[in-house]
Amino acid sequence: MNKEKTLSLLGLAMRAGKLITGEELTVKDIQNNKSAFVFVAADASENTRKKIKDKCSYYKVSCNCELLQSEISQAIGRTRMIVGVNDRGFARKFEELTKG
């Protein structure tokens, strides 16, 4: 995973207003088929990671659990553990960056 590019793109997506943050709002967007990609902090609780991963797999949304909360928070400028990407273009780019 190209962490540096992923984090800078995360910041760009936040400034563009294409992110939803927080557990409840992200879960709601996953269920409503709005989120196309989800980041969950690697240091989030086991229950939180499992809940989000299960929702993502059920609704066929890509999920990444490699970034730390501090990295996500610094990139978006808010203290968050869970971030949903609500733009297909950004989601495709995150797929490329996290897979390769």
PDB file of N, CA and C in Angstrom:
ATOM      1  N   MET A   1       0.839  -1.186   0.000  1.00  0.00           N
ATOM      2  CA  MET A   1       0.000   0.000   0.000  1.00  0.00           C
ATOM      3  C   MET A   1       0.881   1.246   0.000  1.00  0.00           C
ATOM      4  N   ASN A   2       0.551   2.198  -0.845  1.00  0.00           N
ATOM      5  CA  ASN A   2       1.273   3.456  -0.880  1.00  0.00           C
ATOM      6  C   ASN A   2       0.619   4.402   0.135  1.00  0.00           C
ATOM      7  N   LYS A   3       1.130   4.372   1.372  1.00  0.00           N
ATOM      8  CA  LYS A   3       0.509   5.086   2.485  1.00  0.00           C
ATOM      9  C   LYS A   3       0.510   6.597   2.294  1.00  0.00           C
ATOM     10  N   GLU A   4       1.622   7.134   1.815  1.00  0.00           N
ATOM     11  CA  GLU A   4       1.737   8.583   1.661  1.00  0.00           C
ATOM     12  C   GLU A   4       0.700   9.124   0.671  1.00  0.00           C
ATOM     13  N   LYS A   5       0.579   8.474  -0.491  1.00  0.00           N
ATOM     14  CA  LYS A   5      -0.391   8.910  -1.499  1.00  0.00           C
ATOM     15  C   LYS A   5      -1.820   8.709  -1.006  1.00  0.00           C
ATOM     16  N   THR A   6      -2.050   7.600  -0.315  1.00  0.00           N
ATOM     17  CA  THR A   6      -3.384   7.316   0.215  1.00  0.00           C
ATOM     18  C   THR A   6      -3.820   8.394   1.193  1.00  0.00           C
ATOM     19  N   LEU A   7      -2.922   8.780   2.098  1.00  0.00           N
ATOM     20  CA  LEU A   7      -3.257   9.795   3.095  1.00  0.00           C
ATOM     21  C   LEU A   7      -3.470  11.170   2.467  1.00  0.00           C
ATOM     22  N   SER A   8      -2.665  11.525   1.474  1.00  0.00           N
ATOM     23  CA  SER A   8      -2.855  12.830   0.834  1.00  0.00           C
ATOM     24  C   SER A   8      -4.161  12.849   0.031  1.00  0.00           C
ATOM     25  N   LEU A   9      -4.506  11.726  -0.596  1.00  0.00           N
ATOM     26  CA  LEU A   9      -5.776  11.640  -1.326  1.00  0.00           C
ATOM     27  C   LEU A   9      -6.955  11.684  -0.350  1.00  0.00           C
ATOM     28  N   LEU A  10      -6.774  11.112   0.819  1.00  0.00           N
ATOM     29  CA  LEU A  10      -7.814  11.152   1.855  1.00  0.00           C
ATOM     30  C   LEU A  10      -8.088  12.602   2.266  1.00  0.00           C
ATOM     31  N   GLY A  11      -7.024  13.370   2.433  1.00  0.00           N
ATOM     32  CA  GLY A  11      -7.175  14.784   2.759  1.00  0.00           C
ATOM     33  C   GLY A  11      -7.872  15.552   1.649  1.00  0.00           C
ATOM     34  N   LEU A  12      -7.528  15.243   0.413  1.00  0.00           N
ATOM     35  CA  LEU A  12      -8.146  15.888  -0.748  1.00  0.00           C
ATOM     36  C   LEU A  12      -9.647  15.559  -0.808  1.00  0.00           C
ATOM     37  N   ALA A  13      -9.975  14.285  -0.580  1.00  0.00           N
ATOM     38  CA  ALA A  13     -11.381  13.865  -0.594  1.00  0.00           C
ATOM     39  C   ALA A  13     -12.169  14.564   0.511  1.00  0.00           C
ATOM     40  N   MET A  14     -11.525  14.774   1.660  1.00  0.00           N
ATOM     41  CA  MET A  14     -12.189  15.469   2.767  1.00  0.00           C
ATOM     42  C   MET A  14     -12.484  16.917   2.378  1.00  0.00           C
ATOM     43  N   ARG A  15     -11.501  17.577   1.793  1.00  0.00           N
ATOM     44  CA  ARG A  15     -11.695  18.966   1.378  1.00  0.00           C
ATOM     45  C   ARG A  15     -12.745  19.076   0.267  1.00  0.00           C
ATOM     46  N   ALA A  16     -12.864  18.034  -0.540  1.00  0.00           N
ATOM     47  CA  ALA A  16     -13.853  18.023  -1.624  1.00  0.00           C
ATOM     48  C   ALA A  16     -15.250  17.666  -1.112  1.00  0.00           C
ATOM     49  N   GLY A  17     -15.342  17.292   0.152  1.00  0.00           N
ATOM     50  CA  GLY A  17     -16.640  16.953   0.738  1.00  0.00           C
ATOM     51  C   GLY A  17     -17.159  15.593   0.322  1.00  0.00           C
ATOM     52  N   LYS A  18     -16.255  14.678   0.003  1.00  0.00           N
ATOM     53  CA  LYS A  18     -16.649  13.354  -0.473  1.00  0.00           C
ATOM     54  C   LYS A  18     -16.513  12.267   0.595  1.00  0.00           C
ATOM     55  N   LEU A  19     -16.261  12.648   1.850  1.00  0.00           N
ATOM     56  CA  LEU A  19     -16.108  11.671   2.927  1.00  0.00           C
ATOM     57  C   LEU A  19     -17.229  11.801   3.942  1.00  0.00           C
ATOM     58  N   ILE A  20     -17.567  10.682   4.549  1.00  0.00           N
ATOM     59  CA  ILE A  20     -18.463  10.661   5.696  1.00  0.00           C
ATOM     60  C   ILE A  20     -17.642  10.073   6.841  1.00  0.00           C
ATOM     61  N   THR A  21     -17.706  10.676   8.017  1.00  0.00           N
ATOM     62  CA  THR A  21     -16.864  10.211   9.111  1.00  0.00           C
ATOM     63  C   THR A  21     -17.704   9.766  10.293  1.00  0.00           C
ATOM     64  N   GLY A  22     -17.151   8.864  11.066  1.00  0.00           N
ATOM     65  CA  GLY A  22     -17.838   8.362  12.250  1.00  0.00           C
ATOM     66  C   GLY A  22     -18.524   7.041  11.960  1.00  0.00           C
ATOM     67  N   GLU A  23     -18.660   6.227  13.003  1.00  0.00           N
ATOM     68  CA  GLU A  23     -19.175   4.872  12.828  1.00  0.00           C
ATOM     69  C   GLU A  23     -20.631   4.836  12.363  1.00  0.00           C
ATOM     70  N   GLU A  24     -21.514   5.516  13.063  1.00  0.00           N
ATOM     71  CA  GLU A  24     -22.940   5.426  12.743  1.00  0.00           C
ATOM     72  C   GLU A  24     -23.260   5.966  11.349  1.00  0.00           C
ATOM     73  N   LEU A  25     -22.707   7.132  11.017  1.00  0.00           N
ATOM     74  CA  LEU A  25     -22.975   7.715   9.702  1.00  0.00           C
ATOM     75  C   LEU A  25     -22.415   6.855   8.579  1.00  0.00           C
ATOM     76  N   THR A  26     -21.234   6.280   8.805  1.00  0.00           N
ATOM     77  CA  THR A  26     -20.625   5.426   7.782  1.00  0.00           C
ATOM     78  C   THR A  26     -21.445   4.158   7.579  1.00  0.00           C
ATOM     79  N   VAL A  27     -21.885   3.534   8.673  1.00  0.00           N
ATOM     80  CA  VAL A  27     -22.710   2.321   8.563  1.00  0.00           C
ATOM     81  C   VAL A  27     -24.001   2.630   7.803  1.00  0.00           C
ATOM     82  N   LYS A  28     -24.605   3.768   8.097  1.00  0.00           N
ATOM     83  CA  LYS A  28     -25.840   4.168   7.412  1.00  0.00           C
ATOM     84  C   LYS A  28     -25.591   4.345   5.912  1.00  0.00           C
ATOM     85  N   ASP A  29     -24.451   4.968   5.559  1.00  0.00           N
ATOM     86  CA  ASP A  29     -24.121   5.171   4.146  1.00  0.00           C
ATOM     87  C   ASP A  29     -23.799   3.854   3.443  1.00  0.00           C
ATOM     88  N   ILE A  30     -23.188   2.918   4.159  1.00  0.00           N
ATOM     89  CA  ILE A  30     -22.915   1.598   3.579  1.00  0.00           C
ATOM     90  C   ILE A  30     -24.248   0.923   3.254  1.00  0.00           C
ATOM     91  N   GLN A  31     -25.176   0.976   4.190  1.00  0.00           N
ATOM     92  CA  GLN A  31     -26.485   0.335   3.995  1.00  0.00           C
ATOM     93  C   GLN A  31     -27.292   0.999   2.879  1.00  0.00           C
ATOM     94  N   ASN A  32     -27.123   2.310   2.710  1.00  0.00           N
ATOM     95  CA  ASN A  32     -27.845   3.037   1.667  1.00  0.00           C
ATOM     96  C   ASN A  32     -27.100   3.051   0.333  1.00  0.00           C
ATOM     97  N   ASN A  33     -26.033   2.279   0.246  1.00  0.00           N
ATOM     98  CA  ASN A  33     -25.239   2.149  -0.979  1.00  0.00           C
ATOM     99  C   ASN A  33     -24.634   3.483  -1.419  1.00  0.00           C
ATOM    100  N   LYS A  34     -24.259   4.331  -0.466  1.00  0.00           N
ATOM    101  CA  LYS A  34     -23.620   5.601  -0.787  1.00  0.00           C
ATOM    102  C   LYS A  34     -22.104   5.506  -0.690  1.00  0.00           C
ATOM    103  N   SER A  35     -21.602   4.778   0.307  1.00  0.00           N
ATOM    104  CA  SER A  35     -20.157   4.635   0.476  1.00  0.00           C
ATOM    105  C   SER A  35     -19.626   3.584  -0.486  1.00  0.00           C
ATOM    106  N   ALA A  36     -18.513   3.911  -1.133  1.00  0.00           N
ATOM    107  CA  ALA A  36     -17.915   2.990  -2.093  1.00  0.00           C
ATOM    108  C   ALA A  36     -16.614   2.391  -1.565  1.00  0.00           C
ATOM    109  N   PHE A  37     -16.077   2.980  -0.506  1.00  0.00           N
ATOM    110  CA  PHE A  37     -14.831   2.494   0.094  1.00  0.00           C
ATOM    111  C   PHE A  37     -14.826   2.959   1.549  1.00  0.00           C
ATOM    112  N   VAL A  38     -14.312   2.124   2.448  1.00  0.00           N
ATOM    113  CA  VAL A  38     -14.305   2.466   3.872  1.00  0.00           C
ATOM    114  C   VAL A  38     -12.923   2.222   4.460  1.00  0.00           C
ATOM    115  N   PHE A  39     -12.475   3.181   5.263  1.00  0.00           N
ATOM    116  CA  PHE A  39     -11.252   3.021   6.041  1.00  0.00           C
ATOM    117  C   PHE A  39     -11.632   2.833   7.496  1.00  0.00           C
ATOM    118  N   VAL A  40     -11.065   1.800   8.118  1.00  0.00           N
ATOM    119  CA  VAL A  40     -11.231   1.580   9.551  1.00  0.00           C
ATOM    120  C   VAL A  40      -9.835   1.565  10.149  1.00  0.00           C
ATOM    121  N   ALA A  41      -9.641   2.300  11.221  1.00  0.00           N
ATOM    122  CA  ALA A  41      -8.318   2.370  11.842  1.00  0.00           C
ATOM    123  C   ALA A  41      -7.887   0.997  12.349  1.00  0.00           C
ATOM    124  N   ALA A  42      -6.615   0.683  12.148  1.00  0.00           N
ATOM    125  CA  ALA A  42      -6.066  -0.593  12.597  1.00  0.00           C
ATOM    126  C   ALA A  42      -6.111  -0.708  14.112  1.00  0.00           C
ATOM    127  N   ASP A  43      -6.076   0.439  14.801  1.00  0.00           N
ATOM    128  CA  ASP A  43      -6.103   0.419  16.261  1.00  0.00           C
ATOM    129  C   ASP A  43      -7.508   0.649  16.827  1.00  0.00           C
ATOM    130  N   ALA A  44      -8.538   0.516  15.981  1.00  0.00           N
ATOM    131  CA  ALA A  44      -9.928   0.553  16.471  1.00  0.00           C
ATOM    132  C   ALA A  44     -10.183  -0.757  17.224  1.00  0.00           C
ATOM    133  N   SER A  45     -11.205  -0.779  18.050  1.00  0.00           N
ATOM    134  CA  SER A  45     -11.491  -1.983  18.831  1.00  0.00           C
ATOM    135  C   SER A  45     -11.845  -3.150  17.901  1.00  0.00           C
ATOM    136  N   GLU A  46     -11.640  -4.347  18.390  1.00  0.00           N
ATOM    137  CA  GLU A  46     -11.911  -5.557  17.605  1.00  0.00           C
ATOM    138  C   GLU A  46     -13.382  -5.601  17.180  1.00  0.00           C
ATOM    139  N   ASN A  47     -14.286  -5.241  18.099  1.00  0.00           N
ATOM    140  CA  ASN A  47     -15.724  -5.240  17.791  1.00  0.00           C
ATOM    141  C   ASN A  47     -16.056  -4.253  16.683  1.00  0.00           C
ATOM    142  N   THR A  48     -15.479  -3.077  16.751  1.00  0.00           N
ATOM    143  CA  THR A  48     -15.729  -2.044  15.738  1.00  0.00           C
ATOM    144  C   THR A  48     -15.237  -2.505  14.372  1.00  0.00           C
ATOM    145  N   ARG A  49     -14.007  -3.034  14.328  1.00  0.00           N
ATOM    146  CA  ARG A  49     -13.462  -3.512  13.048  1.00  0.00           C
ATOM    147  C   ARG A  49     -14.327  -4.629  12.469  1.00  0.00           C
ATOM    148  N   LYS A  50     -14.743  -5.564  13.317  1.00  0.00           N
ATOM    149  CA  LYS A  50     -15.566  -6.679  12.850  1.00  0.00           C
ATOM    150  C   LYS A  50     -16.918  -6.186  12.333  1.00  0.00           C
ATOM    151  N   LYS A  51     -17.534  -5.264  13.063  1.00  0.00           N
ATOM    152  CA  LYS A  51     -18.842  -4.738  12.659  1.00  0.00           C
ATOM    153  C   LYS A  51     -18.765  -4.081  11.284  1.00  0.00           C
ATOM    154  N   ILE A  52     -17.760  -3.233  11.099  1.00  0.00           N
ATOM    155  CA  ILE A  52     -17.622  -2.522   9.825  1.00  0.00           C
ATOM    156  C   ILE A  52     -17.246  -3.493   8.702  1.00  0.00           C
ATOM    157  N   LYS A  53     -16.318  -4.401   8.965  1.00  0.00           N
ATOM    158  CA  LYS A  53     -15.929  -5.382   7.935  1.00  0.00           C
ATOM    159  C   LYS A  53     -17.125  -6.226   7.510  1.00  0.00           C
ATOM    160  N   ASP A  54     -17.945  -6.659   8.486  1.00  0.00           N
ATOM    161  CA  ASP A  54     -19.123  -7.470   8.169  1.00  0.00           C
ATOM    162  C   ASP A  54     -20.121  -6.695   7.313  1.00  0.00           C
ATOM    163  N   LYS A  55     -20.363  -5.434   7.676  1.00  0.00           N
ATOM    164  CA  LYS A  55     -21.269  -4.594   6.879  1.00  0.00           C
ATOM    165  C   LYS A  55     -20.726  -4.424   5.462  1.00  0.00           C
ATOM    166  N   CYS A  56     -19.425  -4.161   5.370  1.00  0.00           N
ATOM    167  CA  CYS A  56     -18.798  -3.959   4.059  1.00  0.00           C
ATOM    168  C   CYS A  56     -18.892  -5.210   3.190  1.00  0.00           C
ATOM    169  N   SER A  57     -18.640  -6.372   3.777  1.00  0.00           N
ATOM    170  CA  SER A  57     -18.689  -7.592   2.970  1.00  0.00           C
ATOM    171  C   SER A  57     -20.130  -7.911   2.554  1.00  0.00           C
ATOM    172  N   TYR A  58     -21.092  -7.660   3.427  1.00  0.00           N
ATOM    173  CA  TYR A  58     -22.494  -7.923   3.094  1.00  0.00           C
ATOM    174  C   TYR A  58     -22.971  -7.019   1.963  1.00  0.00           C
ATOM    175  N   TYR A  59     -22.618  -5.732   2.025  1.00  0.00           N
ATOM    176  CA  TYR A  59     -23.061  -4.766   1.017  1.00  0.00           C
ATOM    177  C   TYR A  59     -22.052  -4.591  -0.121  1.00  0.00           C
ATOM    178  N   LYS A  60     -21.029  -5.439  -0.149  1.00  0.00           N
ATOM    179  CA  LYS A  60     -20.006  -5.448  -1.205  1.00  0.00           C
ATOM    180  C   LYS A  60     -19.305  -4.093  -1.367  1.00  0.00           C
ATOM    181  N   VAL A  61     -18.808  -3.575  -0.235  1.00  0.00           N
ATOM    182  CA  VAL A  61     -18.060  -2.322  -0.211  1.00  0.00           C
ATOM    183  C   VAL A  61     -16.635  -2.664   0.206  1.00  0.00           C
ATOM    184  N   SER A  62     -15.651  -2.113  -0.496  1.00  0.00           N
ATOM    185  CA  SER A  62     -14.252  -2.371  -0.155  1.00  0.00           C
ATOM    186  C   SER A  62     -13.910  -1.723   1.179  1.00  0.00           C
ATOM    187  N   CYS A  63     -13.073  -2.414   1.958  1.00  0.00           N
ATOM    188  CA  CYS A  63     -12.717  -1.931   3.285  1.00  0.00           C
ATOM    189  C   CYS A  63     -11.211  -2.084   3.490  1.00  0.00           C
ATOM    190  N   ASN A  64     -10.603  -1.092   4.124  1.00  0.00           N
ATOM    191  CA  ASN A  64      -9.174  -1.132   4.408  1.00  0.00           C
ATOM    192  C   ASN A  64      -8.950  -0.880   5.888  1.00  0.00           C
ATOM    193  N   CYS A  65      -8.152  -1.739   6.516  1.00  0.00           N
ATOM    194  CA  CYS A  65      -7.886  -1.629   7.961  1.00  0.00           C
ATOM    195  C   CYS A  65      -6.391  -1.479   8.247  1.00  0.00           C
ATOM    196  N   GLU A  66      -5.646  -0.849   7.348  1.00  0.00           N
ATOM    197  CA  GLU A  66      -4.195  -0.765   7.510  1.00  0.00           C
ATOM    198  C   GLU A  66      -3.710   0.535   8.142  1.00  0.00           C
ATOM    199  N   LEU A  67      -4.509   1.592   8.086  1.00  0.00           N
ATOM    200  CA  LEU A  67      -4.071   2.889   8.611  1.00  0.00           C
ATOM    201  C   LEU A  67      -4.392   3.012  10.100  1.00  0.00           C
ATOM    202  N   LEU A  68      -3.558   3.743  10.813  1.00  0.00           N
ATOM    203  CA  LEU A  68      -3.801   3.994  12.229  1.00  0.00           C
ATOM    204  C   LEU A  68      -4.739   5.184  12.394  1.00  0.00           C
ATOM    205  N   GLN A  69      -5.375   5.265  13.563  1.00  0.00           N
ATOM    206  CA  GLN A  69      -6.282   6.370  13.817  1.00  0.00           C
ATOM    207  C   GLN A  69      -5.567   7.715  13.708  1.00  0.00           C
ATOM    208  N   SER A  70      -4.339   7.771  14.210  1.00  0.00           N
ATOM    209  CA  SER A  70      -3.587   9.030  14.162  1.00  0.00           C
ATOM    210  C   SER A  70      -3.326   9.455  12.718  1.00  0.00           C
ATOM    211  N   GLU A  71      -3.052   8.499  11.837  1.00  0.00           N
ATOM    212  CA  GLU A  71      -2.801   8.820  10.425  1.00  0.00           C
ATOM    213  C   GLU A  71      -4.070   9.312   9.734  1.00  0.00           C
ATOM    214  N   ILE A  72      -5.180   8.616   9.968  1.00  0.00           N
ATOM    215  CA  ILE A  72      -6.459   9.024   9.376  1.00  0.00           C
ATOM    216  C   ILE A  72      -6.845  10.411   9.881  1.00  0.00           C
ATOM    217  N   SER A  73      -6.740  10.601  11.189  1.00  0.00           N
ATOM    218  CA  SER A  73      -7.126  11.869  11.809  1.00  0.00           C
ATOM    219  C   SER A  73      -6.296  13.030  11.284  1.00  0.00           C
ATOM    220  N   GLN A  74      -5.002  12.811  11.144  1.00  0.00           N
ATOM    221  CA  GLN A  74      -4.130  13.870  10.640  1.00  0.00           C
ATOM    222  C   GLN A  74      -4.461  14.197   9.185  1.00  0.00           C
ATOM    223  N   ALA A  75      -4.767  13.179   8.399  1.00  0.00           N
ATOM    224  CA  ALA A  75      -5.060  13.388   6.978  1.00  0.00           C
ATOM    225  C   ALA A  75      -6.343  14.193   6.770  1.00  0.00           C
ATOM    226  N   ILE A  76      -7.368  13.926   7.586  1.00  0.00           N
ATOM    227  CA  ILE A  76      -8.661  14.599   7.364  1.00  0.00           C
ATOM    228  C   ILE A  76      -8.873  15.797   8.277  1.00  0.00           C
ATOM    229  N   GLY A  77      -8.012  15.972   9.279  1.00  0.00           N
ATOM    230  CA  GLY A  77      -8.112  17.130  10.154  1.00  0.00           C
ATOM    231  C   GLY A  77      -9.138  16.995  11.264  1.00  0.00           C
ATOM    232  N   ARG A  78      -9.616  15.780  11.497  1.00  0.00           N
ATOM    233  CA  ARG A  78     -10.569  15.498  12.572  1.00  0.00           C
ATOM    234  C   ARG A  78     -10.183  14.175  13.213  1.00  0.00           C
ATOM    235  N   THR A  79     -10.485  14.017  14.495  1.00  0.00           N
ATOM    236  CA  THR A  79     -10.176  12.765  15.170  1.00  0.00           C
ATOM    237  C   THR A  79     -11.254  11.740  14.833  1.00  0.00           C
ATOM    238  N   ARG A  80     -10.923  10.801  13.968  1.00  0.00           N
ATOM    239  CA  ARG A  80     -11.878   9.769  13.540  1.00  0.00           C
ATOM    240  C   ARG A  80     -11.168   8.430  13.371  1.00  0.00           C
ATOM    241  N   MET A  81     -11.930   7.350  13.567  1.00  0.00           N
ATOM    242  CA  MET A  81     -11.412   5.997  13.352  1.00  0.00           C
ATOM    243  C   MET A  81     -12.006   5.363  12.099  1.00  0.00           C
ATOM    244  N   ILE A  82     -13.172   5.862  11.683  1.00  0.00           N
ATOM    245  CA  ILE A  82     -13.868   5.270  10.549  1.00  0.00           C
ATOM    246  C   ILE A  82     -14.236   6.367   9.552  1.00  0.00           C
ATOM    247  N   VAL A  83     -13.904   6.117   8.282  1.00  0.00           N
ATOM    248  CA  VAL A  83     -14.167   7.095   7.226  1.00  0.00           C
ATOM    249  C   VAL A  83     -14.734   6.361   6.013  1.00  0.00           C
ATOM    250  N   GLY A  84     -15.860   6.853   5.506  1.00  0.00           N
ATOM    251  CA  GLY A  84     -16.451   6.291   4.306  1.00  0.00           C
ATOM    252  C   GLY A  84     -16.256   7.243   3.133  1.00  0.00           C
ATOM    253  N   VAL A  85     -15.914   6.704   1.972  1.00  0.00           N
ATOM    254  CA  VAL A  85     -15.699   7.508   0.765  1.00  0.00           C
ATOM    255  C   VAL A  85     -16.972   7.434  -0.078  1.00  0.00           C
ATOM    256  N   ASN A  86     -17.609   8.583  -0.320  1.00  0.00           N
ATOM    257  CA  ASN A  86     -18.882   8.622  -1.036  1.00  0.00           C
ATOM    258  C   ASN A  86     -18.753   9.064  -2.478  1.00  0.00           C
ATOM    259  N   ASP A  87     -17.625   8.816  -3.082  1.00  0.00           N
ATOM    260  CA  ASP A  87     -17.405   9.187  -4.476  1.00  0.00           C
ATOM    261  C   ASP A  87     -16.742   8.008  -5.184  1.00  0.00           C
ATOM    262  N   ARG A  88     -17.329   7.557  -6.274  1.00  0.00           N
ATOM    263  CA  ARG A  88     -16.814   6.367  -6.983  1.00  0.00           C
ATOM    264  C   ARG A  88     -15.409   6.591  -7.540  1.00  0.00           C
ATOM    265  N   GLY A  89     -15.118   7.790  -8.001  1.00  0.00           N
ATOM    266  CA  GLY A  89     -13.793   8.092  -8.541  1.00  0.00           C
ATOM    267  C   GLY A  89     -12.710   7.998  -7.476  1.00  0.00           C
ATOM    268  N   PHE A  90     -12.954   8.623  -6.325  1.00  0.00           N
ATOM    269  CA  PHE A  90     -12.011   8.523  -5.216  1.00  0.00           C
ATOM    270  C   PHE A  90     -11.891   7.064  -4.763  1.00  0.00           C
ATOM    271  N   ALA A  91     -13.012   6.362  -4.714  1.00  0.00           N
ATOM    272  CA  ALA A  91     -13.003   4.961  -4.264  1.00  0.00           C
ATOM    273  C   ALA A  91     -12.129   4.098  -5.172  1.00  0.00           C
ATOM    274  N   ARG A  92     -12.238   4.303  -6.494  1.00  0.00           N
ATOM    275  CA  ARG A  92     -11.413   3.535  -7.437  1.00  0.00           C
ATOM    276  C   ARG A  92      -9.931   3.802  -7.206  1.00  0.00           C
ATOM    277  N   LYS A  93      -9.598   5.055  -6.968  1.00  0.00           N
ATOM    278  CA  LYS A  93      -8.194   5.422  -6.745  1.00  0.00           C
ATOM    279  C   LYS A  93      -7.679   4.812  -5.431  1.00  0.00           C
ATOM    280  N   PHE A  94      -8.510   4.823  -4.394  1.00  0.00           N
ATOM    281  CA  PHE A  94      -8.128   4.193  -3.125  1.00  0.00           C
ATOM    282  C   PHE A  94      -7.924   2.694  -3.310  1.00  0.00           C
ATOM    283  N   GLU A  95      -8.760   2.063  -4.148  1.00  0.00           N
ATOM    284  CA  GLU A  95      -8.606   0.630  -4.454  1.00  0.00           C
ATOM    285  C   GLU A  95      -7.220   0.384  -5.048  1.00  0.00           C
ATOM    286  N   GLU A  96      -6.859   1.195  -6.042  1.00  0.00           N
ATOM    287  CA  GLU A  96      -5.551   1.047  -6.699  1.00  0.00           C
ATOM    288  C   GLU A  96      -4.407   1.229  -5.696  1.00  0.00           C
ATOM    289  N   LEU A  97      -4.504   2.299  -4.903  1.00  0.00           N
ATOM    290  CA  LEU A  97      -3.419   2.616  -3.971  1.00  0.00           C
ATOM    291  C   LEU A  97      -3.253   1.577  -2.870  1.00  0.00           C
ATOM    292  N   THR A  98      -4.360   1.018  -2.373  1.00  0.00           N
ATOM    293  CA  THR A  98      -4.255   0.065  -1.268  1.00  0.00           C
ATOM    294  C   THR A  98      -3.915  -1.341  -1.739  1.00  0.00           C
ATOM    295  N   LYS A  99      -4.255  -1.663  -2.978  1.00  0.00           N
ATOM    296  CA  LYS A  99      -3.936  -3.004  -3.484  1.00  0.00           C
ATOM    297  C   LYS A  99      -2.489  -3.106  -3.980  1.00  0.00           C
ATOM    298  N   GLY A 100      -2.000  -2.042  -4.583  1.00  0.00           N
ATOM    299  CA  GLY A 100      -0.685  -2.109  -5.197  1.00  0.00           C
ATOM    300  C   GLY A 100       0.302  -1.342  -4.417  1.00  0.00           C
TER     301      GLY A 100
END
